[in-house]
C-alpha atoms as a PDB file:
ATOM      1  CA  MET A   1     105.608 147.424 126.149  1.00  0.00           C
ATOM      2  CA  ASP A   2     109.025 147.442 127.780  1.00  0.00           C
ATOM      3  CA  VAL A   3     112.113 149.164 126.345  1.00  0.00           C
ATOM      4  CA  GLU A   4     113.834 145.909 125.447  1.00  0.00           C
ATOM      5  CA  THR A   5     110.880 144.680 123.388  1.00  0.00           C
ATOM      6  CA  SER A   6     110.510 148.066 121.719  1.00  0.00           C
ATOM      7  CA  GLU A   7     114.188 148.099 120.736  1.00  0.00           C
ATOM      8  CA  ALA A   8     113.958 144.530 119.429  1.00  0.00           C
ATOM      9  CA  ILE A   9     110.962 145.482 117.281  1.00  0.00           C
ATOM     10  CA  GLU A  10     112.809 148.537 115.967  1.00  0.00           C
ATOM     11  CA  GLN A  11     115.882 146.450 115.090  1.00  0.00           C
ATOM     12  CA  LEU A  12     113.689 143.867 113.398  1.00  0.00           C
ATOM     13  CA  GLY A  13     112.041 146.605 111.346  1.00  0.00           C
ATOM     14  CA  GLN A  14     115.450 147.936 110.286  1.00  0.00           C
ATOM     15  CA  ARG A  15     116.593 144.450 109.282  1.00  0.00           C
ATOM     16  CA  ILE A  16     113.415 143.937 107.253  1.00  0.00           C
ATOM     17  CA  ASP A  17     113.972 147.292 105.528  1.00  0.00           C
ATOM     18  CA  ALA A  18     117.570 146.282 104.727  1.00  0.00           C
ATOM     19  CA  VAL A  19     116.449 142.936 103.281  1.00  0.00           C
ATOM     20  CA  GLU A  20     113.776 144.665 101.191  1.00  0.00           C
ATOM     21  CA  LEU A  21     116.323 147.144  99.807  1.00  0.00           C
ATOM     22  CA  SER A  22     118.750 144.332  99.034  1.00  0.00           C
ATOM     23  CA  LEU A  23     116.060 142.344  97.212  1.00  0.00           C
ATOM     24  CA  ARG A  24     115.011 145.387  95.193  1.00  0.00           C
ATOM     25  CA  ASN A  25     118.611 146.000  94.134  1.00  0.00           C
ATOM     26  CA  GLU A  26     119.110 142.353  93.188  1.00  0.00           C
ATOM     27  CA  CYS A  27     115.893 142.375  91.161  1.00  0.00           C
ATOM     28  CA  ARG A  28     116.942 145.545  89.343  1.00  0.00           C
ATOM     29  CA  ALA A  29     120.322 144.029  88.545  1.00  0.00           C
ATOM     30  CA  GLY A  30     118.667 140.817  87.372  1.00  0.00           C
ATOM     31  CA  PHE A  31     116.234 142.684  85.134  1.00  0.00           C
ATOM     32  CA  ALA A  32     119.065 144.792  83.717  1.00  0.00           C
ATOM     33  CA  GLU A  33     120.940 141.602  82.825  1.00  0.00           C
ATOM     34  CA  ILE A  34     117.831 140.110  81.219  1.00  0.00           C
ATOM     35  CA  ASP A  35     117.249 143.319  79.238  1.00  0.00           C
ATOM     36  CA  ALA A  36     120.850 143.236  78.000  1.00  0.00           C
ATOM     37  CA  ARG A  37     120.493 139.607  76.920  1.00  0.00           C
ATOM     38  CA  ILE A  38     117.247 140.375  75.091  1.00  0.00           C
ATOM     39  CA  GLU A  39     118.810 143.343  73.290  1.00  0.00           C
ATOM     40  CA  THR A  40     121.798 141.219  72.285  1.00  0.00           C
ATOM     41  CA  GLY A  41     119.454 138.525  71.001  1.00  0.00           C
ATOM     42  CA  PHE A  42     117.449 141.063  68.998  1.00  0.00           C
ATOM     43  CA  ALA A  43     120.627 142.452  67.437  1.00  0.00           C
ATOM     44  CA  GLU A  44     121.812 138.958  66.483  1.00  0.00           C
ATOM     45  CA  ASN A  45     118.405 138.127  65.027  1.00  0.00           C
ATOM     46  CA  ARG A  46     118.356 141.349  63.003  1.00  0.00           C
ATOM     47  CA  ARG A  47     121.773 140.537  61.524  1.00  0.00           C
ATOM     48  CA  HIS A  48     120.649 136.996  60.717  1.00  0.00           C
ATOM     49  CA  ILE A  49     117.446 138.244  59.074  1.00  0.00           C
ATOM     50  CA  HIS A  50     119.434 140.685  56.920  1.00  0.00           C
ATOM     51  CA  VAL A  51     121.689 137.847  55.756  1.00  0.00           C
ATOM     52  CA  LEU A  52     118.638 135.727  54.906  1.00  0.00           C
ATOM     53  CA  ILE A  53     116.981 138.584  53.026  1.00  0.00           C
ATOM     54  CA  GLU A  54     120.113 139.134  50.961  1.00  0.00           C
ATOM     55  CA  ALA A  55     120.233 135.409  50.174  1.00  0.00           C
ATOM     56  CA  VAL A  56     116.607 135.454  49.039  1.00  0.00           C
ATOM     57  CA  ARG A  57     117.275 138.534  46.889  1.00  0.00           C
ATOM     58  CA  ASP A  58     120.186 136.721  45.280  1.00  0.00           C
ATOM     59  CA  ASP A  59     117.904 133.736  44.616  1.00  0.00           C
ATOM     60  CA  ILE A  60     115.145 135.904  43.133  1.00  0.00           C
ATOM     61  CA  ARG A  61     117.384 138.061  40.925  1.00  0.00           C
ATOM     62  CA  PRO A  62     117.906 135.370  38.193  1.00  0.00           C
ATOM     63  CA  LEU A  63     114.173 134.687  38.150  1.00  0.00           C
ATOM     64  CA  ALA A  64     113.370 138.373  37.696  1.00  0.00           C
ATOM     65  CA  GLU A  65     115.951 138.661  34.934  1.00  0.00           C
ATOM     66  CA  GLY A  66     114.497 135.557  33.260  1.00  0.00           C
ATOM     67  CA  PHE A  67     110.978 136.969  33.415  1.00  0.00           C
ATOM     68  CA  ALA A  68     112.190 140.278  31.993  1.00  0.00           C
ATOM     69  CA  THR A  69     113.918 138.468  29.128  1.00  0.00           C
ATOM     70  CA  LEU A  70     110.853 136.309  28.476  1.00  0.00           C
ATOM     71  CA  SER A  71     108.577 139.341  28.587  1.00  0.00           C
ATOM     72  CA  ALA A  72     110.803 141.191  26.107  1.00  0.00           C
ATOM     73  CA  LYS A  73     110.771 138.178  23.759  1.00  0.00           C
ATOM     74  CA  LEU A  74     106.979 137.900  23.998  1.00  0.00           C
ATOM     75  CA  ASP A  75     106.595 141.629  23.334  1.00  0.00           C
ATOM     76  CA  SER A  76     108.880 141.499  20.302  1.00  0.00           C
ATOM     77  CA  GLY A  77     107.047 138.438  18.956  1.00  0.00           C
ATOM     78  CA  ARG A  78     103.681 140.241  19.104  1.00  0.00           C
ATOM     79  CA  ARG A  79     104.844 143.051  16.852  1.00  0.00           C
END
């Protein structure tokens, strides 16, 4: 193989290595962005779930109080 061909192959190899490194860095950056979006989504969902749970608790509280009152009345009526 002549010197010119050998140098061309070496340069091509270096360019391929540079492209590979660039792609790896872009993929890492892309995955980091996706991870950040997922974490943000999880945090928003957790906040939303907590709001819903509190709403359900507020809805259940009068029922529990009503059952407690009813139970007390039934207990006093049995005596």
